[in-house]
Structure formats: C-alpha cells, structure tokens
Protein backbone atom coordinates (compact mmCIF):
# COMPACT_ATOMS: atom_id res chain seq x y z
CA MET A 1 -17.88 27.76 -30.84
CA ASN A 2 -18.47 24.68 -33.29
CA ARG A 3 -19.73 21.34 -31.89
CA PRO A 4 -16.08 19.55 -32.27
CA GLY A 5 -14.33 22.29 -30.38
CA LEU A 6 -17.28 22.18 -27.54
CA ILE A 7 -17.06 18.42 -27.13
CA PHE A 8 -13.32 19.23 -26.77
CA VAL A 9 -13.32 21.84 -23.91
CA VAL A 10 -16.11 19.56 -22.04
CA LEU A 11 -13.74 16.43 -22.29
CA LEU A 12 -11.05 19.11 -21.10
CA ALA A 13 -12.49 20.54 -18.20
CA PRO A 14 -12.37 18.39 -15.43
CA LEU A 15 -8.56 18.38 -16.13
CA LEU A 16 -8.11 21.79 -15.88
CA THR A 17 -10.10 21.96 -13.06
CA ALA A 18 -8.76 19.75 -11.29
CA CYS A 19 -6.79 20.64 -8.13
CA PRO A 20 -3.11 19.76 -7.35
CA PRO A 21 -2.00 17.40 -5.05
CA PRO A 22 -1.31 19.15 -1.45
CA ALA A 23 2.85 20.09 -1.44
CA TYR A 24 2.23 19.47 2.20
CA VAL A 25 1.83 17.31 5.08
CA THR A 26 0.80 17.17 8.77
CA LEU A 27 2.75 14.97 10.69
CA PHE A 28 1.50 13.49 14.17
CA ASN A 29 4.41 12.51 16.74
CA ASN A 30 3.20 9.39 18.37
CA THR A 31 6.58 8.48 19.42
CA GLY A 32 6.51 9.74 22.89
CA ALA A 33 9.80 11.12 22.28
CA VAL A 34 10.60 14.69 20.07
CA ILE A 35 11.43 13.61 16.33
CA GLU A 36 12.21 15.99 13.82
CA VAL A 37 11.50 16.24 10.24
CA ARG A 38 14.46 17.20 7.71
CA THR A 39 13.24 18.56 4.40
CA GLU A 40 15.28 20.21 1.88
CA ARG A 41 14.74 23.90 3.20
CA ASP A 42 13.93 22.95 7.35
CA ARG A 43 14.93 21.25 10.28
CA VAL A 44 11.34 21.06 12.40
CA SER A 45 11.11 19.52 15.80
CA VAL A 46 7.58 17.88 16.78
CA ALA A 47 6.82 17.47 20.42
CA PRO A 48 5.17 14.57 21.72
CA ASN A 49 1.84 14.48 21.29
CA ARG A 50 1.80 17.29 19.05
CA PHE A 51 1.37 17.92 14.66
CA ASP A 52 2.95 20.08 12.62
CA GLN A 53 2.90 21.00 8.68
CA PHE A 54 5.80 20.93 6.48
CA HIS A 55 5.75 22.13 2.91
CA ASP A 56 7.60 20.06 0.54
CA PRO A 57 8.29 17.24 3.24
CA VAL A 58 9.21 15.10 0.91
CA ASP A 59 12.31 15.55 -1.04
CA THR A 60 12.76 15.55 -5.47
CA ASP A 61 13.76 11.36 -5.18
CA GLN A 62 10.41 11.08 -3.18
CA VAL A 63 12.29 10.39 0.48
CA PHE A 64 11.13 11.16 3.48
CA ARG A 65 13.66 11.82 6.08
CA LEU A 66 13.27 11.64 10.40
CA THR A 67 15.00 11.67 13.34
CA GLY A 68 14.26 10.82 17.08
CA GLY A 69 16.12 8.74 19.69
CA GLY A 70 19.55 8.90 18.01
CA CYS A 71 18.82 7.92 14.78
CA GLU A 72 17.49 8.84 11.14
CA TYR A 73 15.42 7.18 9.47
CA LEU A 74 14.24 7.48 5.87
CA TYR A 75 11.23 6.59 4.09
CA ASP A 76 10.16 6.55 0.48
CA PHE A 77 6.77 7.42 -0.64
CA SER A 78 6.87 6.85 -4.40
CA LEU A 79 4.41 4.58 -3.61
CA GLY A 80 1.36 4.49 -1.16
CA LEU A 81 -0.58 7.30 -1.72
CA VAL A 82 -2.40 6.79 -4.89
CA GLY A 83 -5.87 7.14 -4.80
CA TYR A 84 -5.21 9.31 -1.44
CA TYR A 85 -5.47 13.01 -2.88
CA SER A 86 -9.38 12.24 -4.88
CA ASP A 87 -10.86 13.75 -1.67
CA ARG A 88 -10.62 17.43 -2.09
CA ALA A 89 -11.57 18.14 1.58
CA LEU A 90 -7.72 17.73 2.41
CA VAL A 91 -7.53 20.62 4.39
CA ARG A 92 -4.26 19.87 6.28
CA GLY A 93 -2.68 17.73 3.12
CA VAL A 94 -1.28 14.21 3.36
CA GLN A 95 -1.81 13.63 7.21
CA ILE A 96 0.83 11.07 8.69
CA GLN A 97 1.42 9.73 12.44
CA VAL A 98 4.14 8.46 12.92
CA GLU A 99 4.35 5.44 15.90
CA LYS A 100 6.21 4.43 18.75
CA ASP A 101 8.27 1.78 16.35
CA PHE A 102 8.79 4.62 14.04
CA SER A 103 6.47 2.58 11.50
CA VAL A 104 4.16 5.68 9.46
CA ASN A 105 0.58 5.67 9.40
CA LEU A 106 -1.80 7.42 6.93
CA LEU A 107 -4.73 9.15 8.56
CA SER A 108 -7.66 9.97 6.60
CA GLY A 109 -8.17 13.32 5.04
CA SER A 110 -11.10 14.28 7.41
CA TYR A 111 -9.27 13.91 10.33
CA ALA A 112 -9.38 17.43 12.38
CA GLY A 113 -7.98 16.51 15.84
CA ASP A 114 -4.95 18.22 17.44
CA THR A 115 -3.61 15.40 19.00
CA PRO A 116 -2.02 11.62 17.34
CA ALA A 117 -5.33 9.98 16.15
CA PRO A 118 -7.02 6.87 17.44
CA GLY A 119 -7.31 3.74 15.50
CA GLU A 120 -10.29 4.11 13.78
CA MET A 121 -8.76 6.97 11.82
CA ILE A 122 -5.98 5.03 10.84
CA LEU A 123 -6.54 4.22 6.94
CA GLN A 124 -5.71 0.73 6.09
CA ARG A 125 -3.65 0.91 2.35
CA GLU A 126 -1.85 -1.34 0.68
CA GLY A 127 2.31 -0.21 1.79
CA PHE A 128 0.78 1.14 5.21
CA PRO A 129 2.33 1.24 7.77
CA LEU A 130 5.25 2.53 6.08
CA GLN A 131 8.38 1.26 7.31
CA PRO A 132 11.86 2.95 7.20
CA VAL A 133 13.79 2.30 4.13
CA SER A 134 16.97 3.47 5.63
CA ARG A 135 17.79 3.44 9.43
CA LYS A 136 21.33 5.26 10.85
CA CYS A 137 22.29 5.55 14.38
CA ARG A 138 24.72 7.46 15.80
C-alpha cells in the first residue's frame, strides 16, 4: 500500500470501528406505581421499583411515550444525550429513571443495580431531569 493510502486508512479507522449508539433503553420505575412504555412496536408495563429494557423505545421523531396514573406523557429525547455514548461500557444501553413527578433522570452507564438508582448514580447533565413536553390525562 502506498503512503497516502496508508495515511487514509489510519485516519478512517476510528470511524470504521466506532460502535453505533445503543438502540435500547433500560428504564427504572421510581414512581411508586405501574407505568407503561409505549413504543412503535409494543406496550410494556414496568412494576414499581423494577426495570425493563426496550428496543427502539424512541419513535422516529425522537419522542418517548410513557403512561401512568391515568395520563400519557411525551418526552423529547432529541437533545440531552450528546456525549452519553462515549462510554463504550454501556451494557444496558441508555439508562433512565422515571421519578414520582414523572421527570426522567439520566443514570450512569456503570449502574448495574436491579432497583431504582441512588442519587449518586444520577448524572448531572444539561437538559436533565427531563420534563414531559406534553401530558394528556383522562
């Protein structure tokens, strides 16, 4: 391989080996009641103080849908996750936690618990806690 070709391959290598962001979310329910996540594919209930994983939880316009307590909440995830994927040790994808007021906190990628996370595992990031952009109640 000639020298310019080798330089091109070396410069391109990080782009070719970069992992794409995870297409799933691990959601912890800290609301005290059952909540339901609605995706384009499913509806899945998450019991209080439990978690579940959802593939493709955000629809094509970056909206995340959640129902609980007789209301449907919409969240805009188009902002706020920049830089979160830099941790390649994201075994559970993006980890979020829904709180009693239906705000959404972003959790550390290293959190490995089975129940809602303690305060020190909540990341302090611009845009979080995420508040619903819409709430419709029956």
